[in-house]
């Protein structure tokens, strides 16, 4: 985990103590955009390096949790991580490709290529798969009407939700719920 302190106090002793306890960097308010960019880039490069090490070593010991984890073949989403984190919290917001690109301050065309390269699937396909995964959980573990589940996940029309669900899951939401409730 990377820790950066953003402070209004320009005191050497505070900065030195922060670095002594493992803080990666100490920025003064107001921070310069280029300083924030450097820190984020360093963090992303460190994550990418760690991922590369994990990929080259099938069983890697995590220094943060002291557990052995199996390497996966999933691509490293380090460049698109801010978008992935946003989607985790705001899946129902229907974040468009353009809005996702704005989070990274890149063009939609570049974001689309970057997302596909790093995630192995295009953005809209990824978004729909995340929504259907959550829908499956709701269908299985709740009695919410299918329309409410569709609306909760940001689908404005239940017919479109059913079409997307069937394309990804192979069955309609009603069939899925019936099968899972048996």
C-alpha atoms as a PDB file:
ATOM      1  CA  UNK A   1       0.000   0.000   0.000  1.00  0.00           C
ATOM      2  CA  UNK A   2       1.294   3.429  -0.938  1.00  0.00           C
ATOM      3  CA  UNK A   3       0.813   6.269   1.542  1.00  0.00           C
ATOM      4  CA  UNK A   4       1.304   9.906   0.588  1.00  0.00           C
ATOM      5  CA  UNK A   5       0.787  12.758   3.024  1.00  0.00           C
ATOM      6  CA  UNK A   6      -0.711  16.017   1.789  1.00  0.00           C
ATOM      7  CA  UNK A   7      -0.125  18.694   4.385  1.00  0.00           C
ATOM      8  CA  UNK A   8      -0.247  22.438   4.860  1.00  0.00           C
ATOM      9  CA  UNK A   9       2.659  22.236   7.344  1.00  0.00           C
ATOM     10  CA  UNK A  10       6.074  22.973   5.876  1.00  0.00           C
ATOM     11  CA  UNK A  11       8.047  21.495   8.747  1.00  0.00           C
ATOM     12  CA  UNK A  12      11.069  19.315   8.127  1.00  0.00           C
ATOM     13  CA  UNK A  13      10.577  17.230  11.283  1.00  0.00           C
ATOM     14  CA  UNK A  14       7.049  16.219  10.249  1.00  0.00           C
ATOM     15  CA  UNK A  15       8.240  15.187   6.791  1.00  0.00           C
ATOM     16  CA  UNK A  16      11.203  13.271   8.212  1.00  0.00           C
ATOM     17  CA  UNK A  17       9.007  11.425  10.715  1.00  0.00           C
ATOM     18  CA  UNK A  18       6.512  10.558   7.978  1.00  0.00           C
ATOM     19  CA  UNK A  19       9.265   9.107   5.791  1.00  0.00           C
ATOM     20  CA  UNK A  20      10.649   7.212   8.809  1.00  0.00           C
ATOM     21  CA  UNK A  21       7.313   5.398   9.318  1.00  0.00           C
ATOM     22  CA  UNK A  22       7.081   4.359   5.672  1.00  0.00           C
ATOM     23  CA  UNK A  23       5.192   7.148   3.929  1.00  0.00           C
ATOM     24  CA  UNK A  24       6.118   7.190   0.227  1.00  0.00           C
ATOM     25  CA  UNK A  25       5.973  10.938  -0.210  1.00  0.00           C
ATOM     26  CA  UNK A  26       5.096  14.208   1.528  1.00  0.00           C
ATOM     27  CA  UNK A  27       3.383  16.958  -0.490  1.00  0.00           C
ATOM     28  CA  UNK A  28       2.592  20.496   0.554  1.00  0.00           C
ATOM     29  CA  UNK A  29      -0.747  22.148  -0.146  1.00  0.00           C
ATOM     30  CA  UNK A  30      -1.622  23.204  -2.730  1.00  0.00           C
ATOM     31  CA  UNK A  31       0.014  20.356  -4.626  1.00  0.00           C
ATOM     32  CA  UNK A  32       1.337  20.865  -8.141  1.00  0.00           C
ATOM     33  CA  UNK A  33      -0.424  18.670 -10.706  1.00  0.00           C
ATOM     34  CA  UNK A  34       2.935  17.403 -11.988  1.00  0.00           C
ATOM     35  CA  UNK A  35       3.890  16.246  -8.473  1.00  0.00           C
ATOM     36  CA  UNK A  36       0.642  14.290  -8.183  1.00  0.00           C
ATOM     37  CA  UNK A  37       1.215  12.826 -11.655  1.00  0.00           C
ATOM     38  CA  UNK A  38       4.737  11.705 -10.681  1.00  0.00           C
ATOM     39  CA  UNK A  39       3.475   9.981  -7.542  1.00  0.00           C
ATOM     40  CA  UNK A  40       0.618   8.247  -9.359  1.00  0.00           C
ATOM     41  CA  UNK A  41       2.923   7.147 -12.164  1.00  0.00           C
ATOM     42  CA  UNK A  42       5.450   5.771  -9.672  1.00  0.00           C
ATOM     43  CA  UNK A  43       2.687   3.894  -7.854  1.00  0.00           C
ATOM     44  CA  UNK A  44       1.282   2.450 -11.094  1.00  0.00           C
ATOM     45  CA  UNK A  45       4.746   1.418 -12.288  1.00  0.00           C
ATOM     46  CA  UNK A  46       5.410  -0.257  -8.930  1.00  0.00           C
ATOM     47  CA  UNK A  47       2.105  -2.144  -9.195  1.00  0.00           C
ATOM     48  CA  UNK A  48       2.900  -3.170 -12.771  1.00  0.00           C
ATOM     49  CA  UNK A  49       6.368  -4.345 -11.690  1.00  0.00           C
ATOM     50  CA  UNK A  50       4.843  -6.343  -8.837  1.00  0.00           C
ATOM     51  CA  UNK A  51       2.318  -7.865 -11.249  1.00  0.00           C
ATOM     52  CA  UNK A  52       5.124  -8.805 -13.639  1.00  0.00           C
ATOM     53  CA  UNK A  53       6.979 -10.481 -10.790  1.00  0.00           C
ATOM     54  CA  UNK A  54       3.829 -12.359  -9.802  1.00  0.00           C
ATOM     55  CA  UNK A  55       3.273 -13.457 -13.413  1.00  0.00           C
ATOM     56  CA  UNK A  56       6.822 -14.757 -13.691  1.00  0.00           C
ATOM     57  CA  UNK A  57       6.554 -16.603 -10.366  1.00  0.00           C
ATOM     58  CA  UNK A  58       3.405 -18.818 -10.129  1.00  0.00           C
ATOM     59  CA  UNK A  59       3.412 -18.841  -6.332  1.00  0.00           C
ATOM     60  CA  UNK A  60       4.307 -15.439  -4.965  1.00  0.00           C
ATOM     61  CA  UNK A  61       4.410 -14.477  -1.298  1.00  0.00           C
ATOM     62  CA  UNK A  62       2.540 -11.261  -0.642  1.00  0.00           C
ATOM     63  CA  UNK A  63       4.530  -8.966   1.615  1.00  0.00           C
ATOM     64  CA  UNK A  64       1.395  -7.173   2.792  1.00  0.00           C
ATOM     65  CA  UNK A  65      -0.568 -10.217   3.933  1.00  0.00           C
ATOM     66  CA  UNK A  66       2.165 -12.855   4.299  1.00  0.00           C
ATOM     67  CA  UNK A  67       0.095 -15.297   2.284  1.00  0.00           C
ATOM     68  CA  UNK A  68       0.905 -17.292  -0.782  1.00  0.00           C
ATOM     69  CA  UNK A  69      -1.214 -16.367  -3.783  1.00  0.00           C
ATOM     70  CA  UNK A  70      -1.495 -18.130  -7.110  1.00  0.00           C
ATOM     71  CA  UNK A  71      -0.622 -16.066 -10.140  1.00  0.00           C
ATOM     72  CA  UNK A  72      -3.510 -15.522 -12.516  1.00  0.00           C
ATOM     73  CA  UNK A  73      -3.517 -14.852 -16.208  1.00  0.00           C
ATOM     74  CA  UNK A  74      -5.582 -11.694 -15.734  1.00  0.00           C
ATOM     75  CA  UNK A  75      -4.025  -8.643 -17.315  1.00  0.00           C
ATOM     76  CA  UNK A  76      -2.757  -5.875 -15.086  1.00  0.00           C
ATOM     77  CA  UNK A  77      -5.373  -3.113 -14.987  1.00  0.00           C
ATOM     78  CA  UNK A  78      -2.983  -0.549 -13.529  1.00  0.00           C
ATOM     79  CA  UNK A  79      -3.609   2.190 -16.098  1.00  0.00           C
ATOM     80  CA  UNK A  80      -7.386   1.858 -15.971  1.00  0.00           C
ATOM     81  CA  UNK A  81      -7.536   1.246 -12.209  1.00  0.00           C
ATOM     82  CA  UNK A  82      -9.249   4.571 -11.390  1.00  0.00           C
ATOM     83  CA  UNK A  83     -12.084   3.674 -13.769  1.00  0.00           C
ATOM     84  CA  UNK A  84     -12.394   0.153 -12.337  1.00  0.00           C
ATOM     85  CA  UNK A  85     -12.537   1.538  -8.815  1.00  0.00           C
ATOM     86  CA  UNK A  86     -15.210   4.048  -9.838  1.00  0.00           C
ATOM     87  CA  UNK A  87     -17.270   1.288 -11.458  1.00  0.00           C
ATOM     88  CA  UNK A  88     -17.099  -0.823  -8.290  1.00  0.00           C
ATOM     89  CA  UNK A  89     -18.771   1.964  -6.344  1.00  0.00           C
ATOM     90  CA  UNK A  90     -21.057   3.365  -9.056  1.00  0.00           C
ATOM     91  CA  UNK A  91     -22.080   0.455 -11.268  1.00  0.00           C
ATOM     92  CA  UNK A  92     -25.605   1.837 -11.636  1.00  0.00           C
ATOM     93  CA  UNK A  93     -24.398   5.197 -13.013  1.00  0.00           C
ATOM     94  CA  UNK A  94     -24.035   3.944 -16.613  1.00  0.00           C
ATOM     95  CA  UNK A  95     -20.603   5.509 -16.955  1.00  0.00           C
ATOM     96  CA  UNK A  96     -20.185   6.109 -20.684  1.00  0.00           C
ATOM     97  CA  UNK A  97     -16.962   5.461 -22.544  1.00  0.00           C
ATOM     98  CA  UNK A  98     -16.458   9.230 -22.824  1.00  0.00           C
ATOM     99  CA  UNK A  99     -16.963   9.757 -19.083  1.00  0.00           C
ATOM    100  CA  UNK A 100     -14.584   6.898 -18.296  1.00  0.00           C
ATOM    101  CA  UNK A 101     -11.985   8.453 -20.609  1.00  0.00           C
ATOM    102  CA  UNK A 102     -12.445  11.768 -18.791  1.00  0.00           C
ATOM    103  CA  UNK A 103     -11.527  10.110 -15.483  1.00  0.00           C
ATOM    104  CA  UNK A 104      -8.124   9.285 -16.982  1.00  0.00           C
ATOM    105  CA  UNK A 105      -7.988  12.570 -18.919  1.00  0.00           C
ATOM    106  CA  UNK A 106      -7.509  10.797 -22.263  1.00  0.00           C
ATOM    107  CA  UNK A 107      -9.506  10.673 -25.475  1.00  0.00           C
ATOM    108  CA  UNK A 108     -12.310   8.100 -25.750  1.00  0.00           C
ATOM    109  CA  UNK A 109     -10.511   6.365 -28.645  1.00  0.00           C
ATOM    110  CA  UNK A 110      -7.296   6.019 -26.648  1.00  0.00           C
ATOM    111  CA  UNK A 111      -9.183   4.874 -23.548  1.00  0.00           C
ATOM    112  CA  UNK A 112     -11.028   2.261 -25.589  1.00  0.00           C
ATOM    113  CA  UNK A 113      -7.765   0.803 -26.937  1.00  0.00           C
ATOM    114  CA  UNK A 114      -6.088   0.975 -23.527  1.00  0.00           C
ATOM    115  CA  UNK A 115      -9.009  -0.710 -21.758  1.00  0.00           C
ATOM    116  CA  UNK A 116      -9.174  -3.505 -24.333  1.00  0.00           C
ATOM    117  CA  UNK A 117      -5.402  -4.029 -24.103  1.00  0.00           C
ATOM    118  CA  UNK A 118      -5.296  -4.133 -20.313  1.00  0.00           C
ATOM    119  CA  UNK A 119      -8.563  -5.937 -19.588  1.00  0.00           C
ATOM    120  CA  UNK A 120      -8.804  -8.219 -22.623  1.00  0.00           C
ATOM    121  CA  UNK A 121     -12.384  -7.121 -23.320  1.00  0.00           C
ATOM    122  CA  UNK A 122     -13.929  -3.888 -24.561  1.00  0.00           C
ATOM    123  CA  UNK A 123     -15.300  -1.376 -22.062  1.00  0.00           C
ATOM    124  CA  UNK A 124     -19.023  -1.854 -22.737  1.00  0.00           C
ATOM    125  CA  UNK A 125     -18.703  -5.635 -22.628  1.00  0.00           C
ATOM    126  CA  UNK A 126     -16.841  -5.391 -19.301  1.00  0.00           C
ATOM    127  CA  UNK A 127     -19.470  -3.038 -17.885  1.00  0.00           C
ATOM    128  CA  UNK A 128     -22.342  -5.311 -18.936  1.00  0.00           C
ATOM    129  CA  UNK A 129     -20.600  -8.383 -17.494  1.00  0.00           C
ATOM    130  CA  UNK A 130     -20.141  -6.592 -14.149  1.00  0.00           C
ATOM    131  CA  UNK A 131     -23.820  -5.597 -14.125  1.00  0.00           C
ATOM    132  CA  UNK A 132     -25.013  -9.108 -14.991  1.00  0.00           C
ATOM    133  CA  UNK A 133     -22.782 -10.609 -12.300  1.00  0.00           C
ATOM    134  CA  UNK A 134     -24.435  -8.323  -9.747  1.00  0.00           C
ATOM    135  CA  UNK A 135     -27.869  -9.075 -11.238  1.00  0.00           C
ATOM    136  CA  UNK A 136     -27.266 -12.814 -10.820  1.00  0.00           C
ATOM    137  CA  UNK A 137     -26.421 -12.254  -7.170  1.00  0.00           C
ATOM    138  CA  UNK A 138     -29.576 -10.176  -6.643  1.00  0.00           C
ATOM    139  CA  UNK A 139     -31.769 -12.689  -8.486  1.00  0.00           C
ATOM    140  CA  UNK A 140     -30.353 -15.531  -6.424  1.00  0.00           C
ATOM    141  CA  UNK A 141     -30.358 -13.855  -3.007  1.00  0.00           C
ATOM    142  CA  UNK A 142     -33.350 -11.512  -3.052  1.00  0.00           C
ATOM    143  CA  UNK A 143     -36.986 -11.376  -4.023  1.00  0.00           C
ATOM    144  CA  UNK A 144     -36.680  -8.007  -5.747  1.00  0.00           C
ATOM    145  CA  UNK A 145     -38.740  -7.815  -8.929  1.00  0.00           C
ATOM    146  CA  UNK A 146     -36.660  -8.150 -12.091  1.00  0.00           C
ATOM    147  CA  UNK A 147     -37.644  -4.633 -13.156  1.00  0.00           C
ATOM    148  CA  UNK A 148     -36.262  -3.215  -9.889  1.00  0.00           C
ATOM    149  CA  UNK A 149     -33.003  -5.116 -10.354  1.00  0.00           C
ATOM    150  CA  UNK A 150     -32.717  -3.762 -13.892  1.00  0.00           C
ATOM    151  CA  UNK A 151     -33.326  -0.207 -12.687  1.00  0.00           C
ATOM    152  CA  UNK A 152     -30.909  -0.614  -9.767  1.00  0.00           C
ATOM    153  CA  UNK A 153     -28.183  -1.579 -12.235  1.00  0.00           C
ATOM    154  CA  UNK A 154     -28.822   1.416 -14.477  1.00  0.00           C
ATOM    155  CA  UNK A 155     -30.850  -0.256 -17.210  1.00  0.00           C
ATOM    156  CA  UNK A 156     -33.684   2.041 -18.224  1.00  0.00           C
ATOM    157  CA  UNK A 157     -35.666  -0.649 -20.045  1.00  0.00           C
ATOM    158  CA  UNK A 158     -36.347  -4.131 -18.706  1.00  0.00           C
ATOM    159  CA  UNK A 159     -36.414  -5.567 -22.256  1.00  0.00           C
ATOM    160  CA  UNK A 160     -32.856  -4.409 -22.872  1.00  0.00           C
ATOM    161  CA  UNK A 161     -31.784  -5.777 -19.473  1.00  0.00           C
ATOM    162  CA  UNK A 162     -33.304  -9.159 -20.372  1.00  0.00           C
ATOM    163  CA  UNK A 163     -31.555  -9.123 -23.768  1.00  0.00           C
ATOM    164  CA  UNK A 164     -28.143  -8.335 -22.232  1.00  0.00           C
ATOM    165  CA  UNK A 165     -28.691 -10.840 -19.409  1.00  0.00           C
ATOM    166  CA  UNK A 166     -29.594 -13.623 -21.855  1.00  0.00           C
ATOM    167  CA  UNK A 167     -26.637 -12.828 -24.104  1.00  0.00           C
ATOM    168  CA  UNK A 168     -24.197 -13.116 -21.171  1.00  0.00           C
ATOM    169  CA  UNK A 169     -25.869 -15.742 -18.950  1.00  0.00           C
ATOM    170  CA  UNK A 170     -27.514 -17.836 -21.669  1.00  0.00           C
ATOM    171  CA  UNK A 171     -30.925 -17.658 -19.993  1.00  0.00           C
ATOM    172  CA  UNK A 172     -33.416 -14.920 -19.149  1.00  0.00           C
ATOM    173  CA  UNK A 173     -33.401 -13.381 -15.656  1.00  0.00           C
ATOM    174  CA  UNK A 174     -36.678 -15.176 -14.858  1.00  0.00           C
ATOM    175  CA  UNK A 175     -35.245 -18.546 -15.954  1.00  0.00           C
ATOM    176  CA  UNK A 176     -32.066 -17.886 -13.978  1.00  0.00           C
ATOM    177  CA  UNK A 177     -33.988 -17.058 -10.806  1.00  0.00           C
ATOM    178  CA  UNK A 178     -36.215 -20.100 -11.184  1.00  0.00           C
ATOM    179  CA  UNK A 179     -33.202 -22.375 -11.690  1.00  0.00           C
ATOM    180  CA  UNK A 180     -31.304 -20.886  -8.717  1.00  0.00           C
ATOM    181  CA  UNK A 181     -34.273 -20.968  -6.332  1.00  0.00           C
ATOM    182  CA  UNK A 182     -34.838 -24.731  -6.862  1.00  0.00           C
END
